[in-house]
Amino acid sequence: MFFKKTPTISTTDLKNKLTEKPQIIDVREPHEFRSGHIPGAKNVPLGKVAQYTPSGKTYVICQSGMRSKQATKLLFKQGHDVVNVRGGMMSWTGTKKGGKN
């Protein structure tokens, strides 16, 4: 139980799940989120994640994967079903909303 690893997914695997309309939270700051995010993602900056309660399985993304890893660990310890997106938006090749494509 102590060393239970937080689950992770690649950006490619997440892209393939978009037809299922998964719950995605983007833990970057609002200005980063506005510069381009996954359609349907909700912006919950890392500093506010501790007060956020996801409903059901939630995928967590940031710019490179470091902040989302922190957020995933925190939410996972609180008992939530969360999955870290490895590589973050830097690795994302799917459609983006906002910003310049």
C-alpha atoms as a PDB file:
ATOM      1  CA  MET A   1       0.000   0.000   0.000  1.00  0.00           C
ATOM      2  CA  PHE A   2       2.860   2.406   0.848  1.00  0.00           C
ATOM      3  CA  PHE A   3       4.527   2.196  -2.534  1.00  0.00           C
ATOM      4  CA  LYS A   4       1.503   1.897  -4.771  1.00  0.00           C
ATOM      5  CA  LYS A   5       2.413   3.613  -8.035  1.00  0.00           C
ATOM      6  CA  THR A   6       0.133   6.248  -9.453  1.00  0.00           C
ATOM      7  CA  PRO A   7      -1.237   5.154 -12.823  1.00  0.00           C
ATOM      8  CA  THR A   8       0.030   6.852 -15.995  1.00  0.00           C
ATOM      9  CA  ILE A   9      -1.037   7.009 -19.635  1.00  0.00           C
ATOM     10  CA  SER A  10       0.685   8.286 -22.767  1.00  0.00           C
ATOM     11  CA  THR A  11      -0.682  11.260 -24.706  1.00  0.00           C
ATOM     12  CA  THR A  12      -1.323   8.895 -27.642  1.00  0.00           C
ATOM     13  CA  ASP A  13      -3.441   6.578 -25.472  1.00  0.00           C
ATOM     14  CA  LEU A  14      -5.371   9.554 -24.080  1.00  0.00           C
ATOM     15  CA  LYS A  15      -5.954  10.877 -27.600  1.00  0.00           C
ATOM     16  CA  ASN A  16      -7.476   7.486 -28.492  1.00  0.00           C
ATOM     17  CA  LYS A  17      -9.878   7.795 -25.520  1.00  0.00           C
ATOM     18  CA  LEU A  18     -11.274  11.218 -26.517  1.00  0.00           C
ATOM     19  CA  THR A  19     -14.306   9.626 -28.204  1.00  0.00           C
ATOM     20  CA  GLU A  20     -15.300   8.363 -24.719  1.00  0.00           C
ATOM     21  CA  LYS A  21     -15.299  11.989 -23.471  1.00  0.00           C
ATOM     22  CA  PRO A  22     -12.980  11.334 -20.498  1.00  0.00           C
ATOM     23  CA  GLN A  23     -12.738  13.784 -17.615  1.00  0.00           C
ATOM     24  CA  ILE A  24      -9.465  15.706 -18.030  1.00  0.00           C
ATOM     25  CA  ILE A  25      -8.040  18.334 -15.705  1.00  0.00           C
ATOM     26  CA  ASP A  26      -5.209  20.583 -16.825  1.00  0.00           C
ATOM     27  CA  VAL A  27      -3.162  21.741 -13.833  1.00  0.00           C
ATOM     28  CA  ARG A  28      -1.274  24.518 -15.644  1.00  0.00           C
ATOM     29  CA  GLU A  29      -1.825  28.168 -14.785  1.00  0.00           C
ATOM     30  CA  PRO A  30      -4.794  29.904 -16.514  1.00  0.00           C
ATOM     31  CA  HIS A  31      -2.598  31.793 -19.008  1.00  0.00           C
ATOM     32  CA  GLU A  32      -0.924  28.516 -20.040  1.00  0.00           C
ATOM     33  CA  PHE A  33      -4.323  26.820 -20.360  1.00  0.00           C
ATOM     34  CA  ARG A  34      -5.589  29.643 -22.587  1.00  0.00           C
ATOM     35  CA  SER A  35      -2.558  29.219 -24.848  1.00  0.00           C
ATOM     36  CA  GLY A  36      -3.902  25.815 -25.934  1.00  0.00           C
ATOM     37  CA  HIS A  37      -5.555  22.871 -24.195  1.00  0.00           C
ATOM     38  CA  ILE A  38      -7.350  19.620 -24.941  1.00  0.00           C
ATOM     39  CA  PRO A  39     -10.994  20.319 -25.870  1.00  0.00           C
ATOM     40  CA  GLY A  40     -13.212  19.514 -22.879  1.00  0.00           C
ATOM     41  CA  ALA A  41     -10.377  19.767 -20.333  1.00  0.00           C
ATOM     42  CA  LYS A  42     -11.063  21.700 -17.136  1.00  0.00           C
ATOM     43  CA  ASN A  43      -8.428  24.108 -15.805  1.00  0.00           C
ATOM     44  CA  VAL A  44      -7.585  23.384 -12.148  1.00  0.00           C
ATOM     45  CA  PRO A  45      -4.185  24.996 -11.407  1.00  0.00           C
ATOM     46  CA  LEU A  46      -1.818  22.879  -9.313  1.00  0.00           C
ATOM     47  CA  GLY A  47      -2.198  25.254  -6.336  1.00  0.00           C
ATOM     48  CA  LYS A  48      -5.951  24.516  -6.236  1.00  0.00           C
ATOM     49  CA  VAL A  49      -5.860  20.759  -6.842  1.00  0.00           C
ATOM     50  CA  ALA A  50      -6.021  19.872  -3.129  1.00  0.00           C
ATOM     51  CA  GLN A  51      -9.506  21.465  -2.942  1.00  0.00           C
ATOM     52  CA  TYR A  52     -10.725  19.806  -6.162  1.00  0.00           C
ATOM     53  CA  THR A  53     -12.882  16.683  -6.040  1.00  0.00           C
ATOM     54  CA  PRO A  54     -12.943  14.779  -9.318  1.00  0.00           C
ATOM     55  CA  SER A  55     -15.982  12.676 -10.121  1.00  0.00           C
ATOM     56  CA  GLY A  56     -14.951   9.325 -11.520  1.00  0.00           C
ATOM     57  CA  LYS A  57     -11.814   8.480 -13.469  1.00  0.00           C
ATOM     58  CA  THR A  58      -9.859  11.652 -14.233  1.00  0.00           C
ATOM     59  CA  TYR A  59      -6.827  12.233 -16.435  1.00  0.00           C
ATOM     60  CA  VAL A  60      -4.379  14.885 -15.224  1.00  0.00           C
ATOM     61  CA  ILE A  61      -2.194  16.857 -17.658  1.00  0.00           C
ATOM     62  CA  CYS A  62       0.188  19.842 -17.509  1.00  0.00           C
ATOM     63  CA  GLN A  63       2.921  21.207 -19.787  1.00  0.00           C
ATOM     64  CA  SER A  64       5.608  18.520 -19.403  1.00  0.00           C
ATOM     65  CA  GLY A  65       4.220  15.955 -16.953  1.00  0.00           C
ATOM     66  CA  MET A  66       5.890  17.143 -13.742  1.00  0.00           C
ATOM     67  CA  ARG A  67       3.028  19.175 -12.223  1.00  0.00           C
ATOM     68  CA  SER A  68       0.465  16.610 -13.320  1.00  0.00           C
ATOM     69  CA  LYS A  69       2.524  13.902 -11.597  1.00  0.00           C
ATOM     70  CA  GLN A  70       2.418  15.925  -8.347  1.00  0.00           C
ATOM     71  CA  ALA A  71      -1.324  16.560  -8.718  1.00  0.00           C
ATOM     72  CA  THR A  72      -2.008  12.902  -9.522  1.00  0.00           C
ATOM     73  CA  LYS A  73      -0.084  11.738  -6.442  1.00  0.00           C
ATOM     74  CA  LEU A  74      -1.998  14.165  -4.223  1.00  0.00           C
ATOM     75  CA  LEU A  75      -5.429  13.199  -5.584  1.00  0.00           C
ATOM     76  CA  PHE A  76      -4.501   9.494  -5.601  1.00  0.00           C
ATOM     77  CA  LYS A  77      -3.571   9.684  -1.889  1.00  0.00           C
ATOM     78  CA  GLN A  78      -7.003  11.244  -1.262  1.00  0.00           C
ATOM     79  CA  GLY A  79      -8.534   8.122  -2.794  1.00  0.00           C
ATOM     80  CA  HIS A  80      -9.497   9.448  -6.238  1.00  0.00           C
ATOM     81  CA  ASP A  81      -9.290   7.466  -9.481  1.00  0.00           C
ATOM     82  CA  VAL A  82      -6.704   9.579 -11.325  1.00  0.00           C
ATOM     83  CA  VAL A  83      -4.235   8.938 -14.129  1.00  0.00           C
ATOM     84  CA  ASN A  84      -1.166  11.062 -14.918  1.00  0.00           C
ATOM     85  CA  VAL A  85      -0.628  11.954 -18.598  1.00  0.00           C
ATOM     86  CA  ARG A  86       3.086  11.418 -19.331  1.00  0.00           C
ATOM     87  CA  GLY A  87       4.806  14.077 -21.417  1.00  0.00           C
ATOM     88  CA  GLY A  88       2.032  16.642 -20.977  1.00  0.00           C
ATOM     89  CA  MET A  89       0.981  19.153 -23.596  1.00  0.00           C
ATOM     90  CA  MET A  90       4.538  19.198 -24.988  1.00  0.00           C
ATOM     91  CA  SER A  91       3.862  15.654 -26.256  1.00  0.00           C
ATOM     92  CA  TRP A  92       0.228  16.224 -27.251  1.00  0.00           C
ATOM     93  CA  THR A  93      -0.392  15.817 -30.989  1.00  0.00           C
ATOM     94  CA  GLY A  94      -4.184  15.928 -30.907  1.00  0.00           C
ATOM     95  CA  THR A  95      -6.578  18.819 -31.375  1.00  0.00           C
ATOM     96  CA  LYS A  96      -6.135  21.880 -29.168  1.00  0.00           C
ATOM     97  CA  LYS A  97      -8.621  24.539 -28.210  1.00  0.00           C
ATOM     98  CA  GLY A  98      -7.410  28.121 -27.772  1.00  0.00           C
ATOM     99  CA  GLY A  99      -3.975  29.473 -28.547  1.00  0.00           C
ATOM    100  CA  LYS A 100      -2.325  28.869 -31.888  1.00  0.00           C
ATOM    101  CA  ASN A 101      -2.351  25.412 -33.451  1.00  0.00           C
END
